Amino acid sequence: MPGTAPLAVDITLEGIHVCSAGTAIDYDEAVLEQALKGKEVEYEITLPGDGAETEVFFSDLSHEYVTINADYTT
């Protein structure tokens, strides 16, 4: 969007810091790849400034997930 700048966010994936103040930082790709192979992955996104905290849970809605939830009736 014109006139806007990227947010200075920090991003951590499974405890591995990958972005600081909106800029990608060096990390061990092999370690990150291994960490992201779990059934669940924790993403931590820190926005600049003081404020509230929240947790968001979501699903990737993979084909398997949709199939499991479509195979039964209520």
PDB file of N, CA and C in Angstrom:
ATOM      1  N   MET A   1       0.848  -1.170   0.000  1.00  0.00           N
ATOM      2  CA  MET A   1       0.000   0.000   0.000  1.00  0.00           C
ATOM      3  C   MET A   1       0.905   1.249   0.000  1.00  0.00           C
ATOM      4  N   PRO A   2       0.658   2.185  -0.864  1.00  0.00           N
ATOM      5  CA  PRO A   2       1.501   3.384  -0.933  1.00  0.00           C
ATOM      6  C   PRO A   2       1.501   4.161   0.389  1.00  0.00           C
ATOM      7  N   GLY A   3       2.665   4.683   0.731  1.00  0.00           N
ATOM      8  CA  GLY A   3       2.777   5.511   1.934  1.00  0.00           C
ATOM      9  C   GLY A   3       2.869   4.729   3.227  1.00  0.00           C
ATOM     10  N   THR A   4       3.011   3.422   3.139  1.00  0.00           N
ATOM     11  CA  THR A   4       3.152   2.621   4.356  1.00  0.00           C
ATOM     12  C   THR A   4       4.521   1.967   4.374  1.00  0.00           C
ATOM     13  N   ALA A   5       4.949   1.614   5.543  1.00  0.00           N
ATOM     14  CA  ALA A   5       6.237   0.936   5.701  1.00  0.00           C
ATOM     15  C   ALA A   5       5.994  -0.407   6.372  1.00  0.00           C
ATOM     16  N   PRO A   6       6.869  -1.359   6.153  1.00  0.00           N
ATOM     17  CA  PRO A   6       6.716  -2.640   6.841  1.00  0.00           C
ATOM     18  C   PRO A   6       6.770  -2.444   8.357  1.00  0.00           C
ATOM     19  N   LEU A   7       6.010  -3.237   9.080  1.00  0.00           N
ATOM     20  CA  LEU A   7       6.064  -3.182  10.541  1.00  0.00           C
ATOM     21  C   LEU A   7       7.390  -3.725  11.040  1.00  0.00           C
ATOM     22  N   ALA A   8       7.892  -3.132  12.085  1.00  0.00           N
ATOM     23  CA  ALA A   8       9.155  -3.580  12.691  1.00  0.00           C
ATOM     24  C   ALA A   8       8.875  -4.741  13.640  1.00  0.00           C
ATOM     25  N   VAL A   9       8.432  -5.871  13.080  1.00  0.00           N
ATOM     26  CA  VAL A   9       8.073  -7.028  13.903  1.00  0.00           C
ATOM     27  C   VAL A   9       9.278  -7.928  14.155  1.00  0.00           C
ATOM     28  N   ASP A  10       9.193  -8.658  15.248  1.00  0.00           N
ATOM     29  CA  ASP A  10      10.147  -9.736  15.529  1.00  0.00           C
ATOM     30  C   ASP A  10       9.386 -11.036  15.327  1.00  0.00           C
ATOM     31  N   ILE A  11      10.015 -12.029  14.688  1.00  0.00           N
ATOM     32  CA  ILE A  11       9.367 -13.309  14.453  1.00  0.00           C
ATOM     33  C   ILE A  11      10.271 -14.427  14.951  1.00  0.00           C
ATOM     34  N   THR A  12       9.672 -15.320  15.740  1.00  0.00           N
ATOM     35  CA  THR A  12      10.365 -16.489  16.257  1.00  0.00           C
ATOM     36  C   THR A  12       9.538 -17.716  15.905  1.00  0.00           C
ATOM     37  N   LEU A  13      10.168 -18.726  15.328  1.00  0.00           N
ATOM     38  CA  LEU A  13       9.504 -19.967  14.965  1.00  0.00           C
ATOM     39  C   LEU A  13      10.103 -21.092  15.801  1.00  0.00           C
ATOM     40  N   GLU A  14       9.276 -21.735  16.609  1.00  0.00           N
ATOM     41  CA  GLU A  14       9.755 -22.825  17.479  1.00  0.00           C
ATOM     42  C   GLU A  14      11.005 -22.420  18.261  1.00  0.00           C
ATOM     43  N   GLY A  15      10.999 -21.184  18.755  1.00  0.00           N
ATOM     44  CA  GLY A  15      12.102 -20.701  19.583  1.00  0.00           C
ATOM     45  C   GLY A  15      13.315 -20.209  18.812  1.00  0.00           C
ATOM     46  N   ILE A  16      13.228 -20.212  17.488  1.00  0.00           N
ATOM     47  CA  ILE A  16      14.346 -19.773  16.650  1.00  0.00           C
ATOM     48  C   ILE A  16      14.005 -18.408  16.063  1.00  0.00           C
ATOM     49  N   HIS A  17      14.779 -17.404  16.433  1.00  0.00           N
ATOM     50  CA  HIS A  17      14.554 -16.015  16.003  1.00  0.00           C
ATOM     51  C   HIS A  17      14.951 -15.899  14.530  1.00  0.00           C
ATOM     52  N   VAL A  18      13.994 -15.488  13.651  1.00  0.00           N
ATOM     53  CA  VAL A  18      14.274 -15.402  12.219  1.00  0.00           C
ATOM     54  C   VAL A  18      14.112 -13.991  11.648  1.00  0.00           C
ATOM     55  N   CYS A  19      13.495 -13.091  12.438  1.00  0.00           N
ATOM     56  CA  CYS A  19      13.264 -11.726  11.958  1.00  0.00           C
ATOM     57  C   CYS A  19      13.338 -10.771  13.142  1.00  0.00           C
ATOM     58  N   SER A  20      14.081  -9.687  12.982  1.00  0.00           N
ATOM     59  CA  SER A  20      14.219  -8.704  14.048  1.00  0.00           C
ATOM     60  C   SER A  20      13.921  -7.320  13.488  1.00  0.00           C
ATOM     61  N   ALA A  21      12.972  -6.625  14.109  1.00  0.00           N
ATOM     62  CA  ALA A  21      12.580  -5.272  13.694  1.00  0.00           C
ATOM     63  C   ALA A  21      12.228  -5.207  12.206  1.00  0.00           C
ATOM     64  N   GLY A  22      11.572  -6.271  11.705  1.00  0.00           N
ATOM     65  CA  GLY A  22      11.120  -6.291  10.320  1.00  0.00           C
ATOM     66  C   GLY A  22      12.151  -6.736   9.309  1.00  0.00           C
ATOM     67  N   THR A  23      13.330  -7.124   9.773  1.00  0.00           N
ATOM     68  CA  THR A  23      14.402  -7.532   8.876  1.00  0.00           C
ATOM     69  C   THR A  23      14.815  -8.972   9.170  1.00  0.00           C
ATOM     70  N   ALA A  24      14.924  -9.781   8.119  1.00  0.00           N
ATOM     71  CA  ALA A  24      15.366 -11.169   8.285  1.00  0.00           C
ATOM     72  C   ALA A  24      16.760 -11.183   8.897  1.00  0.00           C
ATOM     73  N   ILE A  25      16.987 -12.152   9.780  1.00  0.00           N
ATOM     74  CA  ILE A  25      18.309 -12.300  10.398  1.00  0.00           C
ATOM     75  C   ILE A  25      18.831 -13.700  10.110  1.00  0.00           C
ATOM     76  N   ASP A  26      20.123 -13.871  10.280  1.00  0.00           N
ATOM     77  CA  ASP A  26      20.738 -15.177  10.044  1.00  0.00           C
ATOM     78  C   ASP A  26      20.277 -16.186  11.079  1.00  0.00           C
ATOM     79  N   TYR A  27      20.053 -17.403  10.639  1.00  0.00           N
ATOM     80  CA  TYR A  27      19.697 -18.523  11.510  1.00  0.00           C
ATOM     81  C   TYR A  27      20.173 -19.797  10.833  1.00  0.00           C
ATOM     82  N   ASP A  28      20.244 -20.854  11.582  1.00  0.00           N
ATOM     83  CA  ASP A  28      20.693 -22.144  11.065  1.00  0.00           C
ATOM     84  C   ASP A  28      19.507 -22.817  10.368  1.00  0.00           C
ATOM     85  N   GLU A  29      19.538 -22.869   9.045  1.00  0.00           N
ATOM     86  CA  GLU A  29      18.417 -23.411   8.274  1.00  0.00           C
ATOM     87  C   GLU A  29      18.139 -24.874   8.610  1.00  0.00           C
ATOM     88  N   ALA A  30      19.172 -25.664   8.828  1.00  0.00           N
ATOM     89  CA  ALA A  30      18.974 -27.083   9.142  1.00  0.00           C
ATOM     90  C   ALA A  30      18.265 -27.250  10.486  1.00  0.00           C
ATOM     91  N   VAL A  31      18.634 -26.424  11.445  1.00  0.00           N
ATOM     92  CA  VAL A  31      18.004 -26.480  12.769  1.00  0.00           C
ATOM     93  C   VAL A  31      16.540 -26.049  12.660  1.00  0.00           C
ATOM     94  N   LEU A  32      16.266 -24.971  11.912  1.00  0.00           N
ATOM     95  CA  LEU A  32      14.895 -24.507  11.740  1.00  0.00           C
ATOM     96  C   LEU A  32      14.059 -25.568  11.017  1.00  0.00           C
ATOM     97  N   GLU A  33      14.612 -26.144   9.961  1.00  0.00           N
ATOM     98  CA  GLU A  33      13.880 -27.173   9.216  1.00  0.00           C
ATOM     99  C   GLU A  33      13.483 -28.328  10.130  1.00  0.00           C
ATOM    100  N   GLN A  34      14.395 -28.761  10.956  1.00  0.00           N
ATOM    101  CA  GLN A  34      14.107 -29.851  11.895  1.00  0.00           C
ATOM    102  C   GLN A  34      13.032 -29.427  12.901  1.00  0.00           C
ATOM    103  N   ALA A  35      13.115 -28.213  13.390  1.00  0.00           N
ATOM    104  CA  ALA A  35      12.167 -27.717  14.389  1.00  0.00           C
ATOM    105  C   ALA A  35      10.753 -27.610  13.826  1.00  0.00           C
ATOM    106  N   LEU A  36      10.621 -27.354  12.531  1.00  0.00           N
ATOM    107  CA  LEU A  36       9.315 -27.166  11.921  1.00  0.00           C
ATOM    108  C   LEU A  36       8.648 -28.461  11.466  1.00  0.00           C
ATOM    109  N   LYS A  37       9.284 -29.592  11.704  1.00  0.00           N
ATOM    110  CA  LYS A  37       8.725 -30.877  11.286  1.00  0.00           C
ATOM    111  C   LYS A  37       7.698 -31.438  12.254  1.00  0.00           C
ATOM    112  N   GLY A  38       7.520 -30.789  13.392  1.00  0.00           N
ATOM    113  CA  GLY A  38       6.574 -31.287  14.383  1.00  0.00           C
ATOM    114  C   GLY A  38       5.140 -31.173  13.926  1.00  0.00           C
ATOM    115  N   LYS A  39       4.255 -31.865  14.642  1.00  0.00           N
ATOM    116  CA  LYS A  39       2.830 -31.836  14.328  1.00  0.00           C
ATOM    117  C   LYS A  39       2.244 -30.443  14.579  1.00  0.00           C
ATOM    118  N   GLU A  40       2.780 -29.755  15.574  1.00  0.00           N
ATOM    119  CA  GLU A  40       2.376 -28.384  15.879  1.00  0.00           C
ATOM    120  C   GLU A  40       3.597 -27.486  15.802  1.00  0.00           C
ATOM    121  N   VAL A  41       3.388 -26.264  15.354  1.00  0.00           N
ATOM    122  CA  VAL A  41       4.482 -25.298  15.231  1.00  0.00           C
ATOM    123  C   VAL A  41       4.069 -24.023  15.951  1.00  0.00           C
ATOM    124  N   GLU A  42       4.962 -23.515  16.806  1.00  0.00           N
ATOM    125  CA  GLU A  42       4.680 -22.276  17.525  1.00  0.00           C
ATOM    126  C   GLU A  42       5.352 -21.111  16.814  1.00  0.00           C
ATOM    127  N   TYR A  43       4.525 -20.131  16.461  1.00  0.00           N
ATOM    128  CA  TYR A  43       4.990 -18.881  15.859  1.00  0.00           C
ATOM    129  C   TYR A  43       4.815 -17.796  16.909  1.00  0.00           C
ATOM    130  N   GLU A  44       5.823 -16.988  17.105  1.00  0.00           N
ATOM    131  CA  GLU A  44       5.698 -15.842  18.008  1.00  0.00           C
ATOM    132  C   GLU A  44       6.002 -14.591  17.195  1.00  0.00           C
ATOM    133  N   ILE A  45       5.025 -13.697  17.131  1.00  0.00           N
ATOM    134  CA  ILE A  45       5.186 -12.446  16.389  1.00  0.00           C
ATOM    135  C   ILE A  45       5.022 -11.305  17.378  1.00  0.00           C
ATOM    136  N   THR A  46       6.065 -10.507  17.513  1.00  0.00           N
ATOM    137  CA  THR A  46       6.057  -9.392  18.456  1.00  0.00           C
ATOM    138  C   THR A  46       5.949  -8.091  17.682  1.00  0.00           C
ATOM    139  N   LEU A  47       4.905  -7.343  17.975  1.00  0.00           N
ATOM    140  CA  LEU A  47       4.699  -6.049  17.329  1.00  0.00           C
ATOM    141  C   LEU A  47       5.385  -4.956  18.140  1.00  0.00           C
ATOM    142  N   PRO A  48       5.792  -3.870  17.507  1.00  0.00           N
ATOM    143  CA  PRO A  48       6.451  -2.791  18.239  1.00  0.00           C
ATOM    144  C   PRO A  48       5.485  -2.077  19.191  1.00  0.00           C
ATOM    145  N   GLY A  49       6.020  -1.549  20.263  1.00  0.00           N
ATOM    146  CA  GLY A  49       5.219  -0.777  21.215  1.00  0.00           C
ATOM    147  C   GLY A  49       4.671  -1.631  22.343  1.00  0.00           C
ATOM    148  N   ASP A  50       4.093  -0.934  23.323  1.00  0.00           N
ATOM    149  CA  ASP A  50       3.476  -1.619  24.456  1.00  0.00           C
ATOM    150  C   ASP A  50       2.034  -1.936  24.104  1.00  0.00           C
ATOM    151  N   GLY A  51       1.528  -2.997  24.696  1.00  0.00           N
ATOM    152  CA  GLY A  51       0.136  -3.324  24.409  1.00  0.00           C
ATOM    153  C   GLY A  51      -0.263  -4.662  24.984  1.00  0.00           C
ATOM    154  N   ALA A  52      -1.351  -5.151  24.488  1.00  0.00           N
ATOM    155  CA  ALA A  52      -1.937  -6.395  24.976  1.00  0.00           C
ATOM    156  C   ALA A  52      -1.251  -7.595  24.343  1.00  0.00           C
ATOM    157  N   GLU A  53      -1.592  -8.752  24.866  1.00  0.00           N
ATOM    158  CA  GLU A  53      -1.056 -10.010  24.365  1.00  0.00           C
ATOM    159  C   GLU A  53      -2.221 -10.934  24.064  1.00  0.00           C
ATOM    160  N   THR A  54      -2.080 -11.744  23.023  1.00  0.00           N
ATOM    161  CA  THR A  54      -3.130 -12.704  22.697  1.00  0.00           C
ATOM    162  C   THR A  54      -2.511 -13.973  22.144  1.00  0.00           C
ATOM    163  N   GLU A  55      -3.273 -15.045  22.155  1.00  0.00           N
ATOM    164  CA  GLU A  55      -2.868 -16.294  21.531  1.00  0.00           C
ATOM    165  C   GLU A  55      -3.874 -16.621  20.453  1.00  0.00           C
ATOM    166  N   VAL A  56      -3.376 -17.095  19.324  1.00  0.00           N
ATOM    167  CA  VAL A  56      -4.234 -17.465  18.209  1.00  0.00           C
ATOM    168  C   VAL A  56      -3.894 -18.902  17.834  1.00  0.00           C
ATOM    169  N   PHE A  57      -4.921 -19.723  17.702  1.00  0.00           N
ATOM    170  CA  PHE A  57      -4.734 -21.105  17.289  1.00  0.00           C
ATOM    171  C   PHE A  57      -5.369 -21.263  15.913  1.00  0.00           C
ATOM    172  N   PHE A  58      -4.699 -21.973  15.013  1.00  0.00           N
ATOM    173  CA  PHE A  58      -5.254 -22.163  13.683  1.00  0.00           C
ATOM    174  C   PHE A  58      -4.813 -23.507  13.139  1.00  0.00           C
ATOM    175  N   SER A  59      -5.479 -23.922  12.081  1.00  0.00           N
ATOM    176  CA  SER A  59      -5.164 -25.177  11.410  1.00  0.00           C
ATOM    177  C   SER A  59      -4.737 -24.868   9.990  1.00  0.00           C
ATOM    178  N   ASP A  60      -3.910 -25.728   9.454  1.00  0.00           N
ATOM    179  CA  ASP A  60      -3.481 -25.530   8.077  1.00  0.00           C
ATOM    180  C   ASP A  60      -4.564 -25.946   7.082  1.00  0.00           C
ATOM    181  N   LEU A  61      -5.628 -26.568   7.559  1.00  0.00           N
ATOM    182  CA  LEU A  61      -6.714 -27.069   6.719  1.00  0.00           C
ATOM    183  C   LEU A  61      -6.175 -27.921   5.567  1.00  0.00           C
ATOM    184  N   SER A  62      -5.256 -28.815   5.899  1.00  0.00           N
ATOM    185  CA  SER A  62      -4.695 -29.715   4.901  1.00  0.00           C
ATOM    186  C   SER A  62      -5.779 -30.645   4.363  1.00  0.00           C
ATOM    187  N   HIS A  63      -5.475 -31.324   3.298  1.00  0.00           N
ATOM    188  CA  HIS A  63      -6.425 -32.266   2.704  1.00  0.00           C
ATOM    189  C   HIS A  63      -6.843 -33.316   3.737  1.00  0.00           C
ATOM    190  N   GLU A  64      -5.873 -33.824   4.497  1.00  0.00           N
ATOM    191  CA  GLU A  64      -6.175 -34.831   5.520  1.00  0.00           C
ATOM    192  C   GLU A  64      -7.136 -34.280   6.574  1.00  0.00           C
ATOM    193  N   TYR A  65      -6.925 -33.067   7.019  1.00  0.00           N
ATOM    194  CA  TYR A  65      -7.794 -32.446   8.024  1.00  0.00           C
ATOM    195  C   TYR A  65      -9.225 -32.327   7.500  1.00  0.00           C
ATOM    196  N   VAL A  66      -9.359 -31.838   6.281  1.00  0.00           N
ATOM    197  CA  VAL A  66     -10.695 -31.678   5.695  1.00  0.00           C
ATOM    198  C   VAL A  66     -11.365 -33.032   5.525  1.00  0.00           C
ATOM    199  N   THR A  67     -10.625 -34.043   5.069  1.00  0.00           N
ATOM    200  CA  THR A  67     -11.179 -35.377   4.881  1.00  0.00           C
ATOM    201  C   THR A  67     -11.673 -35.963   6.196  1.00  0.00           C
ATOM    202  N   ILE A  68     -10.883 -35.859   7.246  1.00  0.00           N
ATOM    203  CA  ILE A  68     -11.280 -36.393   8.556  1.00  0.00           C
ATOM    204  C   ILE A  68     -12.571 -35.740   9.010  1.00  0.00           C
ATOM    205  N   ASN A  69     -12.682 -34.441   8.848  1.00  0.00           N
ATOM    206  CA  ASN A  69     -13.859 -33.724   9.324  1.00  0.00           C
ATOM    207  C   ASN A  69     -15.063 -33.856   8.382  1.00  0.00           C
ATOM    208  N   ALA A  70     -14.854 -34.339   7.175  1.00  0.00           N
ATOM    209  CA  ALA A  70     -15.962 -34.521   6.234  1.00  0.00           C
ATOM    210  C   ALA A  70     -16.508 -35.945   6.286  1.00  0.00           C
ATOM    211  N   ASP A  71     -15.784 -36.854   6.918  1.00  0.00           N
ATOM    212  CA  ASP A  71     -16.166 -38.266   6.913  1.00  0.00           C
ATOM    213  C   ASP A  71     -17.179 -38.642   7.984  1.00  0.00           C
ATOM    214  N   TYR A  72     -17.694 -37.725   8.712  1.00  0.00           N
ATOM    215  CA  TYR A  72     -18.704 -38.050   9.710  1.00  0.00           C
ATOM    216  C   TYR A  72     -19.882 -37.085   9.565  1.00  0.00           C
ATOM    217  N   THR A  73     -20.995 -37.490  10.092  1.00  0.00           N
ATOM    218  CA  THR A  73     -22.166 -36.613  10.076  1.00  0.00           C
ATOM    219  C   THR A  73     -22.595 -36.327  11.511  1.00  0.00           C
ATOM    220  N   THR A  74     -23.251 -35.214  11.708  1.00  0.00           N
ATOM    221  CA  THR A  74     -23.710 -34.863  13.046  1.00  0.00           C
ATOM    222  C   THR A  74     -25.202 -35.046  13.167  1.00  0.00           C
TER     223      THR A  74
END
